[in-house]
Amino acid sequence: MLRRIAGRLDLPDAELRAELAAAQLVGTAMLRYVIKVEPLASADPEQIIERLAPVVQGHLTGP
């Protein structure tokens, strides 16, 4: 899946960018659902999306 994402990025470090974005999302999921770290575990999903989306987008398309 990460290679498919990287294949859509027209950047020399596309694979690294895709892996960083995935690491951000997997790390968040682990903290929220597996380890259940508060306040992340009980935070409103929309609030998490609002804060996480720009970070993931930055990994994929930022400078």
N, C-alpha and C. Protein backbone atom coordinates (compact mmCIF):
# COMPACT_ATOMS: atom_id res chain seq x y z
N MET A 1 0.82 -1.19 0.00
CA MET A 1 0.00 0.00 0.00
C MET A 1 0.87 1.26 0.00
N LEU A 2 1.95 1.24 0.78
CA LEU A 2 2.81 2.43 0.85
C LEU A 2 3.46 2.73 -0.50
N ARG A 3 3.80 1.70 -1.24
CA ARG A 3 4.38 1.92 -2.56
C ARG A 3 3.37 2.56 -3.51
N ARG A 4 2.12 2.18 -3.37
CA ARG A 4 1.08 2.79 -4.21
C ARG A 4 0.95 4.27 -3.90
N ILE A 5 0.99 4.59 -2.63
CA ILE A 5 0.92 6.00 -2.24
C ILE A 5 2.15 6.73 -2.75
N ALA A 6 3.32 6.15 -2.52
CA ALA A 6 4.57 6.78 -2.97
C ALA A 6 4.58 6.96 -4.47
N GLY A 7 4.00 6.02 -5.20
CA GLY A 7 3.95 6.11 -6.66
C GLY A 7 3.14 7.29 -7.17
N ARG A 8 2.26 7.80 -6.34
CA ARG A 8 1.43 8.95 -6.73
C ARG A 8 2.07 10.28 -6.37
N LEU A 9 3.16 10.22 -5.61
CA LEU A 9 3.87 11.45 -5.22
C LEU A 9 4.99 11.69 -6.22
N ASP A 10 5.03 12.85 -6.76
CA ASP A 10 6.07 13.19 -7.75
C ASP A 10 7.22 13.89 -7.04
N LEU A 11 7.85 13.16 -6.12
CA LEU A 11 8.94 13.71 -5.32
C LEU A 11 10.04 12.67 -5.19
N PRO A 12 11.29 13.11 -5.09
CA PRO A 12 12.39 12.15 -5.03
C PRO A 12 12.40 11.28 -3.77
N ASP A 13 11.84 11.75 -2.69
CA ASP A 13 11.82 10.99 -1.44
C ASP A 13 10.42 10.48 -1.13
N ALA A 14 9.70 10.07 -2.15
CA ALA A 14 8.29 9.69 -2.01
C ALA A 14 8.09 8.51 -1.06
N GLU A 15 8.96 7.51 -1.13
CA GLU A 15 8.79 6.35 -0.24
C GLU A 15 8.96 6.74 1.22
N LEU A 16 9.94 7.57 1.51
CA LEU A 16 10.15 8.04 2.88
C LEU A 16 8.94 8.83 3.35
N ARG A 17 8.42 9.68 2.50
CA ARG A 17 7.25 10.49 2.86
C ARG A 17 6.05 9.60 3.18
N ALA A 18 5.82 8.59 2.35
CA ALA A 18 4.70 7.68 2.58
C ALA A 18 4.89 6.92 3.89
N GLU A 19 6.10 6.50 4.18
CA GLU A 19 6.38 5.77 5.42
C GLU A 19 6.21 6.67 6.64
N LEU A 20 6.61 7.92 6.55
CA LEU A 20 6.43 8.85 7.66
C LEU A 20 4.95 9.11 7.92
N ALA A 21 4.17 9.26 6.86
CA ALA A 21 2.73 9.46 7.02
C ALA A 21 2.11 8.23 7.68
N ALA A 22 2.50 7.05 7.24
CA ALA A 22 1.97 5.82 7.83
C ALA A 22 2.39 5.70 9.29
N ALA A 23 3.62 6.04 9.60
CA ALA A 23 4.09 5.97 10.98
C ALA A 23 3.29 6.90 11.87
N GLN A 24 2.96 8.06 11.36
CA GLN A 24 2.15 9.02 12.13
C GLN A 24 0.79 8.42 12.45
N LEU A 25 0.16 7.81 11.46
CA LEU A 25 -1.17 7.25 11.64
C LEU A 25 -1.16 5.99 12.51
N VAL A 26 -0.21 5.12 12.27
CA VAL A 26 -0.11 3.89 13.07
C VAL A 26 0.21 4.22 14.52
N GLY A 27 1.11 5.15 14.73
CA GLY A 27 1.44 5.56 16.08
C GLY A 27 0.24 6.13 16.82
N THR A 28 -0.52 6.94 16.13
CA THR A 28 -1.73 7.51 16.73
C THR A 28 -2.73 6.40 17.08
N ALA A 29 -2.92 5.47 16.15
CA ALA A 29 -3.85 4.36 16.40
C ALA A 29 -3.38 3.51 17.59
N MET A 30 -2.10 3.24 17.68
CA MET A 30 -1.58 2.45 18.80
C MET A 30 -1.83 3.16 20.12
N LEU A 31 -1.52 4.43 20.18
CA LEU A 31 -1.73 5.18 21.42
C LEU A 31 -3.21 5.28 21.78
N ARG A 32 -4.05 5.45 20.78
CA ARG A 32 -5.49 5.65 21.04
C ARG A 32 -6.20 4.35 21.38
N TYR A 33 -5.97 3.29 20.59
CA TYR A 33 -6.77 2.08 20.71
C TYR A 33 -6.10 0.92 21.46
N VAL A 34 -4.79 0.85 21.43
CA VAL A 34 -4.09 -0.27 22.07
C VAL A 34 -3.62 0.10 23.46
N ILE A 35 -2.83 1.18 23.55
CA ILE A 35 -2.29 1.60 24.84
C ILE A 35 -3.31 2.43 25.62
N LYS A 36 -4.22 3.07 24.89
CA LYS A 36 -5.30 3.88 25.46
C LYS A 36 -4.79 5.02 26.33
N VAL A 37 -3.90 5.79 25.75
CA VAL A 37 -3.33 6.96 26.43
C VAL A 37 -4.36 8.08 26.41
N GLU A 38 -4.61 8.64 27.57
CA GLU A 38 -5.53 9.77 27.68
C GLU A 38 -4.75 11.07 27.58
N PRO A 39 -5.31 12.09 27.00
CA PRO A 39 -6.69 12.24 26.55
C PRO A 39 -6.94 11.76 25.12
N LEU A 40 -5.93 11.24 24.46
CA LEU A 40 -6.11 10.79 23.07
C LEU A 40 -7.17 9.70 22.95
N ALA A 41 -7.18 8.78 23.88
CA ALA A 41 -8.11 7.65 23.80
C ALA A 41 -9.58 8.08 23.81
N SER A 42 -9.89 9.13 24.50
CA SER A 42 -11.29 9.55 24.57
C SER A 42 -11.58 10.83 23.79
N ALA A 43 -10.61 11.30 23.05
CA ALA A 43 -10.80 12.53 22.27
C ALA A 43 -11.82 12.32 21.15
N ASP A 44 -12.50 13.38 20.80
CA ASP A 44 -13.44 13.36 19.69
C ASP A 44 -12.69 13.07 18.39
N PRO A 45 -13.15 12.12 17.60
CA PRO A 45 -12.46 11.79 16.34
C PRO A 45 -12.25 13.00 15.43
N GLU A 46 -13.22 13.89 15.37
CA GLU A 46 -13.08 15.07 14.52
C GLU A 46 -11.94 15.97 14.98
N GLN A 47 -11.74 16.06 16.27
CA GLN A 47 -10.63 16.86 16.81
C GLN A 47 -9.29 16.22 16.43
N ILE A 48 -9.22 14.91 16.49
CA ILE A 48 -7.99 14.21 16.11
C ILE A 48 -7.70 14.43 14.63
N ILE A 49 -8.72 14.28 13.81
CA ILE A 49 -8.56 14.49 12.36
C ILE A 49 -8.09 15.91 12.08
N GLU A 50 -8.71 16.88 12.74
CA GLU A 50 -8.36 18.29 12.54
C GLU A 50 -6.88 18.55 12.82
N ARG A 51 -6.36 17.90 13.84
CA ARG A 51 -4.97 18.14 14.22
C ARG A 51 -3.99 17.27 13.45
N LEU A 52 -4.41 16.07 13.10
CA LEU A 52 -3.51 15.13 12.45
C LEU A 52 -3.41 15.33 10.94
N ALA A 53 -4.50 15.73 10.31
CA ALA A 53 -4.52 15.87 8.85
C ALA A 53 -3.43 16.78 8.30
N PRO A 54 -3.20 17.95 8.88
CA PRO A 54 -2.13 18.80 8.34
C PRO A 54 -0.73 18.17 8.48
N VAL A 55 -0.54 17.42 9.54
CA VAL A 55 0.76 16.77 9.75
C VAL A 55 0.99 15.69 8.70
N VAL A 56 -0.02 14.85 8.49
CA VAL A 56 0.09 13.78 7.49
C VAL A 56 0.24 14.41 6.10
N GLN A 57 -0.53 15.42 5.82
CA GLN A 57 -0.42 16.11 4.53
C GLN A 57 0.98 16.69 4.34
N GLY A 58 1.53 17.23 5.41
CA GLY A 58 2.90 17.76 5.34
C GLY A 58 3.92 16.69 5.02
N HIS A 59 3.75 15.50 5.58
CA HIS A 59 4.66 14.40 5.26
C HIS A 59 4.57 14.06 3.77
N LEU A 60 3.37 14.10 3.24
CA LEU A 60 3.17 13.66 1.85
C LEU A 60 3.51 14.73 0.82
N THR A 61 3.26 15.99 1.13
CA THR A 61 3.43 17.02 0.08
C THR A 61 4.22 18.24 0.50
N GLY A 62 4.62 18.31 1.77
CA GLY A 62 5.33 19.49 2.26
C GLY A 62 6.75 19.59 1.74
N PRO A 63 7.42 20.67 2.13
CA PRO A 63 8.79 20.88 1.65
C PRO A 63 9.78 19.84 2.19
